[in-house]
Amino acid sequence: MKERLTPCCNGDPADWRPLNARQRRARLIVGVALLSLALALPWSAVSWIALAVIAGWLGATHILAAAMAYPGCPELGAAPSLLLGRWVRIGCSPWRWLDARFRLAA
């Protein structure tokens, strides 16, 4: 039976639990890679600066999600969750798929 994919920002409250150590490590690796990319990009033109800022945001929020064990979409929910002091429930189908593909979920 084919699994139905949900949109990126659709959270399932029944499946909302903190990340395990393997998932956190994966988010951290992706975050460090994206921050490294942001720092390596040339800061000479507006388009490169915009790309570096986007990569930096994605990297920083993935590192934040790893630190908080935030299970949702890091780029949309990790920073607001930190600021509000509670988890903002925003699901993340790409990470759910990657966790299943690489057997990171417990």
PDB file of N, CA and C in Angstrom:
ATOM      1  N   MET A   1       0.846  -1.182   0.000  1.00  0.00           N
ATOM      2  CA  MET A   1       0.000   0.000   0.000  1.00  0.00           C
ATOM      3  C   MET A   1       0.890   1.244   0.000  1.00  0.00           C
ATOM      4  N   LYS A   2       0.568   2.185  -0.849  1.00  0.00           N
ATOM      5  CA  LYS A   2       1.363   3.385  -0.978  1.00  0.00           C
ATOM      6  C   LYS A   2       1.028   4.372   0.146  1.00  0.00           C
ATOM      7  N   GLU A   3       2.087   4.886   0.805  1.00  0.00           N
ATOM      8  CA  GLU A   3       1.889   5.842   1.895  1.00  0.00           C
ATOM      9  C   GLU A   3       1.562   7.214   1.315  1.00  0.00           C
ATOM     10  N   ARG A   4       0.578   7.856   1.895  1.00  0.00           N
ATOM     11  CA  ARG A   4       0.179   9.181   1.441  1.00  0.00           C
ATOM     12  C   ARG A   4       1.087  10.226   2.081  1.00  0.00           C
ATOM     13  N   LEU A   5       1.681  11.080   1.246  1.00  0.00           N
ATOM     14  CA  LEU A   5       2.538  12.139   1.759  1.00  0.00           C
ATOM     15  C   LEU A   5       1.690  13.348   2.118  1.00  0.00           C
ATOM     16  N   THR A   6       2.018  13.952   3.236  1.00  0.00           N
ATOM     17  CA  THR A   6       1.311  15.151   3.667  1.00  0.00           C
ATOM     18  C   THR A   6       2.172  16.365   3.338  1.00  0.00           C
ATOM     19  N   PRO A   7       1.572  17.525   3.231  1.00  0.00           N
ATOM     20  CA  PRO A   7       2.353  18.731   2.955  1.00  0.00           C
ATOM     21  C   PRO A   7       3.375  18.989   4.058  1.00  0.00           C
ATOM     22  N   CYS A   8       4.345  19.800   3.753  1.00  0.00           N
ATOM     23  CA  CYS A   8       5.447  20.072   4.681  1.00  0.00           C
ATOM     24  C   CYS A   8       4.971  20.582   6.035  1.00  0.00           C
ATOM     25  N   CYS A   9       4.003  21.423   6.060  1.00  0.00           N
ATOM     26  CA  CYS A   9       3.619  22.090   7.306  1.00  0.00           C
ATOM     27  C   CYS A   9       2.386  21.478   7.945  1.00  0.00           C
ATOM     28  N   ASN A  10       2.230  20.182   7.857  1.00  0.00           N
ATOM     29  CA  ASN A  10       1.078  19.505   8.439  1.00  0.00           C
ATOM     30  C   ASN A  10       1.565  18.599   9.550  1.00  0.00           C
ATOM     31  N   GLY A  11       1.290  18.946  10.792  1.00  0.00           N
ATOM     32  CA  GLY A  11       1.755  18.169  11.928  1.00  0.00           C
ATOM     33  C   GLY A  11       0.701  17.200  12.416  1.00  0.00           C
ATOM     34  N   ASP A  12       1.123  15.992  12.746  1.00  0.00           N
ATOM     35  CA  ASP A  12       0.232  14.993  13.305  1.00  0.00           C
ATOM     36  C   ASP A  12       0.485  14.929  14.804  1.00  0.00           C
ATOM     37  N   PRO A  13      -0.429  15.410  15.644  1.00  0.00           N
ATOM     38  CA  PRO A  13      -0.203  15.430  17.089  1.00  0.00           C
ATOM     39  C   PRO A  13       0.067  14.045  17.682  1.00  0.00           C
ATOM     40  N   ALA A  14      -0.465  13.000  17.080  1.00  0.00           N
ATOM     41  CA  ALA A  14      -0.246  11.658  17.607  1.00  0.00           C
ATOM     42  C   ALA A  14       1.200  11.211  17.402  1.00  0.00           C
ATOM     43  N   ASP A  15       1.872  11.770  16.418  1.00  0.00           N
ATOM     44  CA  ASP A  15       3.242  11.373  16.094  1.00  0.00           C
ATOM     45  C   ASP A  15       4.253  12.421  16.565  1.00  0.00           C
ATOM     46  N   TRP A  16       3.923  13.186  17.575  1.00  0.00           N
ATOM     47  CA  TRP A  16       4.771  14.283  18.015  1.00  0.00           C
ATOM     48  C   TRP A  16       5.548  13.864  19.258  1.00  0.00           C
ATOM     49  N   ARG A  17       6.786  13.447  19.057  1.00  0.00           N
ATOM     50  CA  ARG A  17       7.646  13.095  20.183  1.00  0.00           C
ATOM     51  C   ARG A  17       9.047  13.617  19.894  1.00  0.00           C
ATOM     52  N   PRO A  18       9.840  13.873  20.942  1.00  0.00           N
ATOM     53  CA  PRO A  18      11.184  14.427  20.729  1.00  0.00           C
ATOM     54  C   PRO A  18      12.051  13.523  19.860  1.00  0.00           C
ATOM     55  N   LEU A  19      13.020  14.128  19.219  1.00  0.00           N
ATOM     56  CA  LEU A  19      13.951  13.382  18.374  1.00  0.00           C
ATOM     57  C   LEU A  19      14.823  12.470  19.229  1.00  0.00           C
ATOM     58  N   ASN A  20      15.177  11.321  18.678  1.00  0.00           N
ATOM     59  CA  ASN A  20      16.123  10.457  19.369  1.00  0.00           C
ATOM     60  C   ASN A  20      17.545  10.912  19.016  1.00  0.00           C
ATOM     61  N   ALA A  21      18.542  10.251  19.586  1.00  0.00           N
ATOM     62  CA  ALA A  21      19.934  10.681  19.404  1.00  0.00           C
ATOM     63  C   ALA A  21      20.379  10.611  17.943  1.00  0.00           C
ATOM     64  N   ARG A  22      19.965   9.594  17.205  1.00  0.00           N
ATOM     65  CA  ARG A  22      20.366   9.471  15.797  1.00  0.00           C
ATOM     66  C   ARG A  22      19.736  10.563  14.946  1.00  0.00           C
ATOM     67  N   GLN A  23      18.482  10.885  15.219  1.00  0.00           N
ATOM     68  CA  GLN A  23      17.816  11.957  14.478  1.00  0.00           C
ATOM     69  C   GLN A  23      18.460  13.307  14.790  1.00  0.00           C
ATOM     70  N   ARG A  24      18.793  13.517  16.056  1.00  0.00           N
ATOM     71  CA  ARG A  24      19.433  14.772  16.443  1.00  0.00           C
ATOM     72  C   ARG A  24      20.789  14.919  15.762  1.00  0.00           C
ATOM     73  N   ARG A  25      21.538  13.831  15.693  1.00  0.00           N
ATOM     74  CA  ARG A  25      22.840  13.856  15.041  1.00  0.00           C
ATOM     75  C   ARG A  25      22.691  14.185  13.548  1.00  0.00           C
ATOM     76  N   ALA A  26      21.667  13.630  12.901  1.00  0.00           N
ATOM     77  CA  ALA A  26      21.429  13.924  11.482  1.00  0.00           C
ATOM     78  C   ALA A  26      21.106  15.398  11.280  1.00  0.00           C
ATOM     79  N   ARG A  27      20.264  15.968  12.139  1.00  0.00           N
ATOM     80  CA  ARG A  27      19.925  17.402  12.020  1.00  0.00           C
ATOM     81  C   ARG A  27      21.168  18.255  12.241  1.00  0.00           C
ATOM     82  N   LEU A  28      22.000  17.840  13.202  1.00  0.00           N
ATOM     83  CA  LEU A  28      23.221  18.586  13.491  1.00  0.00           C
ATOM     84  C   LEU A  28      24.178  18.557  12.305  1.00  0.00           C
ATOM     85  N   ILE A  29      24.355  17.414  11.691  1.00  0.00           N
ATOM     86  CA  ILE A  29      25.245  17.284  10.530  1.00  0.00           C
ATOM     87  C   ILE A  29      24.755  18.169   9.383  1.00  0.00           C
ATOM     88  N   VAL A  30      23.458  18.127   9.107  1.00  0.00           N
ATOM     89  CA  VAL A  30      22.893  18.965   8.044  1.00  0.00           C
ATOM     90  C   VAL A  30      23.059  20.447   8.393  1.00  0.00           C
ATOM     91  N   GLY A  31      22.824  20.800   9.647  1.00  0.00           N
ATOM     92  CA  GLY A  31      22.969  22.187  10.066  1.00  0.00           C
ATOM     93  C   GLY A  31      24.381  22.706   9.919  1.00  0.00           C
ATOM     94  N   VAL A  32      25.354  21.919  10.345  1.00  0.00           N
ATOM     95  CA  VAL A  32      26.761  22.327  10.223  1.00  0.00           C
ATOM     96  C   VAL A  32      27.149  22.437   8.746  1.00  0.00           C
ATOM     97  N   ALA A  33      26.686  21.506   7.919  1.00  0.00           N
ATOM     98  CA  ALA A  33      26.986  21.565   6.488  1.00  0.00           C
ATOM     99  C   ALA A  33      26.400  22.828   5.854  1.00  0.00           C
ATOM    100  N   LEU A  34      25.162  23.160   6.210  1.00  0.00           N
ATOM    101  CA  LEU A  34      24.537  24.358   5.641  1.00  0.00           C
ATOM    102  C   LEU A  34      25.210  25.639   6.129  1.00  0.00           C
ATOM    103  N   LEU A  35      25.598  25.685   7.404  1.00  0.00           N
ATOM    104  CA  LEU A  35      26.311  26.865   7.900  1.00  0.00           C
ATOM    105  C   LEU A  35      27.677  26.992   7.235  1.00  0.00           C
ATOM    106  N   SER A  36      28.344  25.876   7.018  1.00  0.00           N
ATOM    107  CA  SER A  36      29.636  25.901   6.321  1.00  0.00           C
ATOM    108  C   SER A  36      29.468  26.414   4.892  1.00  0.00           C
ATOM    109  N   LEU A  37      28.401  25.972   4.240  1.00  0.00           N
ATOM    110  CA  LEU A  37      28.106  26.458   2.896  1.00  0.00           C
ATOM    111  C   LEU A  37      27.867  27.962   2.913  1.00  0.00           C
ATOM    112  N   ALA A  38      27.111  28.433   3.887  1.00  0.00           N
ATOM    113  CA  ALA A  38      26.811  29.865   3.983  1.00  0.00           C
ATOM    114  C   ALA A  38      28.090  30.673   4.159  1.00  0.00           C
ATOM    115  N   LEU A  39      29.027  30.155   4.942  1.00  0.00           N
ATOM    116  CA  LEU A  39      30.275  30.880   5.164  1.00  0.00           C
ATOM    117  C   LEU A  39      31.212  30.796   3.963  1.00  0.00           C
ATOM    118  N   ALA A  40      31.092  29.730   3.181  1.00  0.00           N
ATOM    119  CA  ALA A  40      31.971  29.540   2.023  1.00  0.00           C
ATOM    120  C   ALA A  40      31.519  30.321   0.793  1.00  0.00           C
ATOM    121  N   LEU A  41      30.260  30.706   0.739  1.00  0.00           N
ATOM    122  CA  LEU A  41      29.754  31.431  -0.429  1.00  0.00           C
ATOM    123  C   LEU A  41      30.357  32.828  -0.498  1.00  0.00           C
ATOM    124  N   PRO A  42      30.595  33.331  -1.698  1.00  0.00           N
ATOM    125  CA  PRO A  42      31.120  34.699  -1.820  1.00  0.00           C
ATOM    126  C   PRO A  42      30.056  35.726  -1.423  1.00  0.00           C
ATOM    127  N   TRP A  43      30.469  36.741  -0.720  1.00  0.00           N
ATOM    128  CA  TRP A  43      29.557  37.785  -0.273  1.00  0.00           C
ATOM    129  C   TRP A  43      29.738  39.027  -1.141  1.00  0.00           C
ATOM    130  N   SER A  44      29.778  38.823  -2.472  1.00  0.00           N
ATOM    131  CA  SER A  44      30.093  39.930  -3.371  1.00  0.00           C
ATOM    132  C   SER A  44      28.889  40.497  -4.113  1.00  0.00           C
ATOM    133  N   ALA A  45      27.869  39.695  -4.341  1.00  0.00           N
ATOM    134  CA  ALA A  45      26.704  40.167  -5.082  1.00  0.00           C
ATOM    135  C   ALA A  45      25.449  39.890  -4.265  1.00  0.00           C
ATOM    136  N   VAL A  46      24.392  40.607  -4.563  1.00  0.00           N
ATOM    137  CA  VAL A  46      23.146  40.484  -3.817  1.00  0.00           C
ATOM    138  C   VAL A  46      22.611  39.056  -3.867  1.00  0.00           C
ATOM    139  N   SER A  47      22.701  38.410  -5.010  1.00  0.00           N
ATOM    140  CA  SER A  47      22.176  37.047  -5.120  1.00  0.00           C
ATOM    141  C   SER A  47      22.973  36.073  -4.255  1.00  0.00           C
ATOM    142  N   TRP A  48      24.291  36.230  -4.212  1.00  0.00           N
ATOM    143  CA  TRP A  48      25.104  35.358  -3.361  1.00  0.00           C
ATOM    144  C   TRP A  48      24.834  35.625  -1.887  1.00  0.00           C
ATOM    145  N   ILE A  49      24.653  36.883  -1.547  1.00  0.00           N
ATOM    146  CA  ILE A  49      24.356  37.235  -0.153  1.00  0.00           C
ATOM    147  C   ILE A  49      23.016  36.637   0.259  1.00  0.00           C
ATOM    148  N   ALA A  50      22.016  36.732  -0.610  1.00  0.00           N
ATOM    149  CA  ALA A  50      20.698  36.153  -0.301  1.00  0.00           C
ATOM    150  C   ALA A  50      20.798  34.635  -0.125  1.00  0.00           C
ATOM    151  N   LEU A  51      21.544  33.980  -0.997  1.00  0.00           N
ATOM    152  CA  LEU A  51      21.720  32.535  -0.886  1.00  0.00           C
ATOM    153  C   LEU A  51      22.458  32.168   0.404  1.00  0.00           C
ATOM    154  N   ALA A  52      23.457  32.956   0.767  1.00  0.00           N
ATOM    155  CA  ALA A  52      24.201  32.701   1.999  1.00  0.00           C
ATOM    156  C   ALA A  52      23.318  32.902   3.238  1.00  0.00           C
ATOM    157  N   VAL A  53      22.471  33.913   3.211  1.00  0.00           N
ATOM    158  CA  VAL A  53      21.569  34.154   4.348  1.00  0.00           C
ATOM    159  C   VAL A  53      20.566  33.008   4.480  1.00  0.00           C
ATOM    160  N   ILE A  54      20.028  32.548   3.364  1.00  0.00           N
ATOM    161  CA  ILE A  54      19.076  31.428   3.408  1.00  0.00           C
ATOM    162  C   ILE A  54      19.752  30.163   3.915  1.00  0.00           C
ATOM    163  N   ALA A  55      20.936  29.851   3.395  1.00  0.00           N
ATOM    164  CA  ALA A  55      21.670  28.668   3.859  1.00  0.00           C
ATOM    165  C   ALA A  55      22.030  28.804   5.336  1.00  0.00           C
ATOM    166  N   GLY A  56      22.393  29.999   5.764  1.00  0.00           N
ATOM    167  CA  GLY A  56      22.700  30.237   7.179  1.00  0.00           C
ATOM    168  C   GLY A  56      21.492  30.026   8.078  1.00  0.00           C
ATOM    169  N   TRP A  57      20.331  30.528   7.637  1.00  0.00           N
ATOM    170  CA  TRP A  57      19.099  30.335   8.406  1.00  0.00           C
ATOM    171  C   TRP A  57      18.756  28.853   8.523  1.00  0.00           C
ATOM    172  N   LEU A  58      18.818  28.152   7.407  1.00  0.00           N
ATOM    173  CA  LEU A  58      18.520  26.720   7.422  1.00  0.00           C
ATOM    174  C   LEU A  58      19.502  25.971   8.324  1.00  0.00           C
ATOM    175  N   GLY A  59      20.776  26.309   8.227  1.00  0.00           N
ATOM    176  CA  GLY A  59      21.774  25.656   9.069  1.00  0.00           C
ATOM    177  C   GLY A  59      21.568  25.937  10.542  1.00  0.00           C
ATOM    178  N   ALA A  60      21.349  27.199  10.879  1.00  0.00           N
ATOM    179  CA  ALA A  60      21.156  27.568  12.286  1.00  0.00           C
ATOM    180  C   ALA A  60      19.916  26.909  12.882  1.00  0.00           C
ATOM    181  N   THR A  61      18.836  26.862  12.123  1.00  0.00           N
ATOM    182  CA  THR A  61      17.618  26.262  12.671  1.00  0.00           C
ATOM    183  C   THR A  61      17.731  24.745  12.788  1.00  0.00           C
ATOM    184  N   HIS A  62      18.494  24.112  11.908  1.00  0.00           N
ATOM    185  CA  HIS A  62      18.706  22.669  12.046  1.00  0.00           C
ATOM    186  C   HIS A  62      19.566  22.361  13.276  1.00  0.00           C
ATOM    187  N   ILE A  63      20.562  23.189  13.541  1.00  0.00           N
ATOM    188  CA  ILE A  63      21.370  23.018  14.749  1.00  0.00           C
ATOM    189  C   ILE A  63      20.510  23.257  15.989  1.00  0.00           C
ATOM    190  N   LEU A  64      19.665  24.265  15.944  1.00  0.00           N
ATOM    191  CA  LEU A  64      18.755  24.541  17.048  1.00  0.00           C
ATOM    192  C   LEU A  64      17.787  23.381  17.269  1.00  0.00           C
ATOM    193  N   ALA A  65      17.255  22.823  16.191  1.00  0.00           N
ATOM    194  CA  ALA A  65      16.354  21.671  16.307  1.00  0.00           C
ATOM    195  C   ALA A  65      17.069  20.477  16.920  1.00  0.00           C
ATOM    196  N   ALA A  66      18.323  20.280  16.556  1.00  0.00           N
ATOM    197  CA  ALA A  66      19.096  19.180  17.143  1.00  0.00           C
ATOM    198  C   ALA A  66      19.311  19.408  18.632  1.00  0.00           C
ATOM    199  N   ALA A  67      19.613  20.631  19.018  1.00  0.00           N
ATOM    200  CA  ALA A  67      19.842  20.938  20.430  1.00  0.00           C
ATOM    201  C   ALA A  67      18.571  20.792  21.270  1.00  0.00           C
ATOM    202  N   MET A  68      17.419  21.150  20.674  1.00  0.00           N
ATOM    203  CA  MET A  68      16.146  21.105  21.399  1.00  0.00           C
ATOM    204  C   MET A  68      15.428  19.763  21.260  1.00  0.00           C
ATOM    205  N   ALA A  69      15.909  18.894  20.373  1.00  0.00           N
ATOM    206  CA  ALA A  69      15.211  17.642  20.016  1.00  0.00           C
ATOM    207  C   ALA A  69      13.848  17.948  19.416  1.00  0.00           C
ATOM    208  N   TYR A  70      13.785  19.046  18.657  1.00  0.00           N
ATOM    209  CA  TYR A  70      12.531  19.490  18.042  1.00  0.00           C
ATOM    210  C   TYR A  70      12.178  18.584  16.873  1.00  0.00           C
ATOM    211  N   PRO A  71      11.030  17.908  16.906  1.00  0.00           N
ATOM    212  CA  PRO A  71      10.690  16.928  15.879  1.00  0.00           C
ATOM    213  C   PRO A  71      10.036  17.492  14.622  1.00  0.00           C
ATOM    214  N   GLY A  72       9.698  18.744  14.618  1.00  0.00           N
ATOM    215  CA  GLY A  72       8.976  19.306  13.471  1.00  0.00           C
ATOM    216  C   GLY A  72       9.911  19.858  12.417  1.00  0.00           C
ATOM    217  N   CYS A  73       9.368  20.723  11.587  1.00  0.00           N
ATOM    218  CA  CYS A  73      10.102  21.344  10.492  1.00  0.00           C
ATOM    219  C   CYS A  73      11.064  22.392  11.082  1.00  0.00           C
ATOM    220  N   PRO A  74      12.373  22.139  11.075  1.00  0.00           N
ATOM    221  CA  PRO A  74      13.312  23.016  11.770  1.00  0.00           C
ATOM    222  C   PRO A  74      13.269  24.468  11.314  1.00  0.00           C
ATOM    223  N   GLU A  75      13.224  24.683   9.990  1.00  0.00           N
ATOM    224  CA  GLU A  75      13.307  26.059   9.502  1.00  0.00           C
ATOM    225  C   GLU A  75      12.067  26.884   9.812  1.00  0.00           C
ATOM    226  N   LEU A  76      10.958  26.239  10.099  1.00  0.00           N
ATOM    227  CA  LEU A  76       9.730  26.976  10.398  1.00  0.00           C
ATOM    228  C   LEU A  76       9.361  26.984  11.876  1.00  0.00           C
ATOM    229  N   GLY A  77       9.736  25.956  12.619  1.00  0.00           N
ATOM    230  CA  GLY A  77       9.236  25.838  13.980  1.00  0.00           C
ATOM    231  C   GLY A  77      10.246  25.883  15.104  1.00  0.00           C
ATOM    232  N   ALA A  78      11.521  25.654  14.837  1.00  0.00           N
ATOM    233  CA  ALA A  78      12.499  25.579  15.920  1.00  0.00           C
ATOM    234  C   ALA A  78      12.707  26.930  16.611  1.00  0.00           C
ATOM    235  N   ALA A  79      12.932  27.981  15.840  1.00  0.00           N
ATOM    236  CA  ALA A  79      13.152  29.307  16.433  1.00  0.00           C
ATOM    237  C   ALA A  79      11.905  29.825  17.161  1.00  0.00           C
ATOM    238  N   PRO A  80      10.706  29.747  16.548  1.00  0.00           N
ATOM    239  CA  PRO A  80       9.517  30.180  17.287  1.00  0.00           C
ATOM    240  C   PRO A  80       9.288  29.359  18.561  1.00  0.00           C
ATOM    241  N   SER A  81       9.612  28.073  18.518  1.00  0.00           N
ATOM    242  CA  SER A  81       9.455  27.236  19.705  1.00  0.00           C
ATOM    243  C   SER A  81      10.374  27.706  20.827  1.00  0.00           C
ATOM    244  N   LEU A  82      11.586  28.075  20.483  1.00  0.00           N
ATOM    245  CA  LEU A  82      12.519  28.581  21.488  1.00  0.00           C
ATOM    246  C   LEU A  82      12.031  29.903  22.067  1.00  0.00           C
ATOM    247  N   LEU A  83      11.564  30.794  21.195  1.00  0.00           N
ATOM    248  CA  LEU A  83      11.107  32.105  21.654  1.00  0.00           C
ATOM    249  C   LEU A  83       9.833  32.028  22.493  1.00  0.00           C
ATOM    250  N   LEU A  84       8.924  31.116  22.139  1.00  0.00           N
ATOM    251  CA  LEU A  84       7.651  31.000  22.858  1.00  0.00           C
ATOM    252  C   LEU A  84       7.745  30.121  24.101  1.00  0.00           C
ATOM    253  N   GLY A  85       8.793  29.332  24.203  1.00  0.00           N
ATOM    254  CA  GLY A  85       8.939  28.450  25.356  1.00  0.00           C
ATOM    255  C   GLY A  85       8.061  27.208  25.279  1.00  0.00           C
ATOM    256  N   ARG A  86       7.548  26.904  24.114  1.00  0.00           N
ATOM    257  CA  ARG A  86       6.741  25.695  23.902  1.00  0.00           C
ATOM    258  C   ARG A  86       6.922  25.289  22.447  1.00  0.00           C
ATOM    259  N   TRP A  87       6.680  24.014  22.174  1.00  0.00           N
ATOM    260  CA  TRP A  87       6.855  23.555  20.798  1.00  0.00           C
ATOM    261  C   TRP A  87       5.727  24.055  19.904  1.00  0.00           C
ATOM    262  N   VAL A  88       6.109  24.661  18.798  1.00  0.00           N
ATOM    263  CA  VAL A  88       5.171  25.038  17.749  1.00  0.00           C
ATOM    264  C   VAL A  88       5.103  23.822  16.826  1.00  0.00           C
ATOM    265  N   ARG A  89       3.959  23.207  16.752  1.00  0.00           N
ATOM    266  CA  ARG A  89       3.823  21.939  16.030  1.00  0.00           C
ATOM    267  C   ARG A  89       3.648  22.153  14.531  1.00  0.00           C
ATOM    268  N   ILE A  90       4.765  21.995  13.831  1.00  0.00           N
ATOM    269  CA  ILE A  90       4.774  22.074  12.379  1.00  0.00           C
ATOM    270  C   ILE A  90       5.472  20.815  11.890  1.00  0.00           C
ATOM    271  N   GLY A  91       4.719  19.946  11.241  1.00  0.00           N
ATOM    272  CA  GLY A  91       5.278  18.684  10.772  1.00  0.00           C
ATOM    273  C   GLY A  91       6.260  18.887   9.627  1.00  0.00           C
ATOM    274  N   CYS A  92       7.042  17.851   9.359  1.00  0.00           N
ATOM    275  CA  CYS A  92       8.049  17.954   8.306  1.00  0.00           C
ATOM    276  C   CYS A  92       8.142  16.640   7.546  1.00  0.00           C
ATOM    277  N   SER A  93       7.430  16.549   6.446  1.00  0.00           N
ATOM    278  CA  SER A  93       7.432  15.323   5.644  1.00  0.00           C
ATOM    279  C   SER A  93       8.809  14.963   5.094  1.00  0.00           C
ATOM    280  N   PRO A  94       9.620  15.921   4.630  1.00  0.00           N
ATOM    281  CA  PRO A  94      10.945  15.524   4.134  1.00  0.00           C
ATOM    282  C   PRO A  94      11.800  14.844   5.199  1.00  0.00           C
ATOM    283  N   TRP A  95      11.797  15.383   6.418  1.00  0.00           N
ATOM    284  CA  TRP A  95      12.578  14.743   7.474  1.00  0.00           C
ATOM    285  C   TRP A  95      11.948  13.436   7.906  1.00  0.00           C
ATOM    286  N   ARG A  96      10.648  13.344   7.920  1.00  0.00           N
ATOM    287  CA  ARG A  96       9.995  12.072   8.262  1.00  0.00           C
ATOM    288  C   ARG A  96      10.396  10.991   7.258  1.00  0.00           C
ATOM    289  N   TRP A  97      10.429  11.365   5.985  1.00  0.00           N
ATOM    290  CA  TRP A  97      10.819  10.419   4.944  1.00  0.00           C
ATOM    291  C   TRP A  97      12.292  10.027   5.101  1.00  0.00           C
ATOM    292  N   LEU A  98      13.164  11.013   5.341  1.00  0.00           N
ATOM    293  CA  LEU A  98      14.591  10.717   5.516  1.00  0.00           C
ATOM    294  C   LEU A  98      14.844   9.857   6.756  1.00  0.00           C
ATOM    295  N   ASP A  99      14.133  10.145   7.845  1.00  0.00           N
ATOM    296  CA  ASP A  99      14.277   9.322   9.053  1.00  0.00           C
ATOM    297  C   ASP A  99      13.896   7.866   8.786  1.00  0.00           C
ATOM    298  N   ALA A 100      12.832   7.668   8.018  1.00  0.00           N
ATOM    299  CA  ALA A 100      12.420   6.308   7.692  1.00  0.00           C
ATOM    300  C   ALA A 100      13.394   5.669   6.704  1.00  0.00           C
ATOM    301  N   ARG A 101      13.844   6.425   5.725  1.00  0.00           N
ATOM    302  CA  ARG A 101      14.742   5.895   4.696  1.00  0.00           C
ATOM    303  C   ARG A 101      16.075   5.437   5.282  1.00  0.00           C
ATOM    304  N   PHE A 102      16.621   6.218   6.210  1.00  0.00           N
ATOM    305  CA  PHE A 102      17.911   5.887   6.810  1.00  0.00           C
ATOM    306  C   PHE A 102      17.773   5.192   8.164  1.00  0.00           C
ATOM    307  N   ARG A 103      16.542   4.804   8.488  1.00  0.00           N
ATOM    308  CA  ARG A 103      16.233   4.074   9.732  1.00  0.00           C
ATOM    309  C   ARG A 103      16.730   4.819  10.972  1.00  0.00           C
ATOM    310  N   LEU A 104      16.448   6.110  11.013  1.00  0.00           N
ATOM    311  CA  LEU A 104      16.846   6.923  12.159  1.00  0.00           C
ATOM    312  C   LEU A 104      15.777   6.940  13.250  1.00  0.00           C
ATOM    313  N   ALA A 105      14.529   6.718  12.872  1.00  0.00           N
ATOM    314  CA  ALA A 105      13.428   6.749  13.847  1.00  0.00           C
ATOM    315  C   ALA A 105      13.452   5.471  14.671  1.00  0.00           C
ATOM    316  N   ALA A 106      13.117   5.613  15.930  1.00  0.00           N
ATOM    317  CA  ALA A 106      13.128   4.457  16.841  1.00  0.00           C
ATOM    318  C   ALA A 106      11.930   3.569  16.644  1.00  0.00           C
TER     319      ALA A 106
END
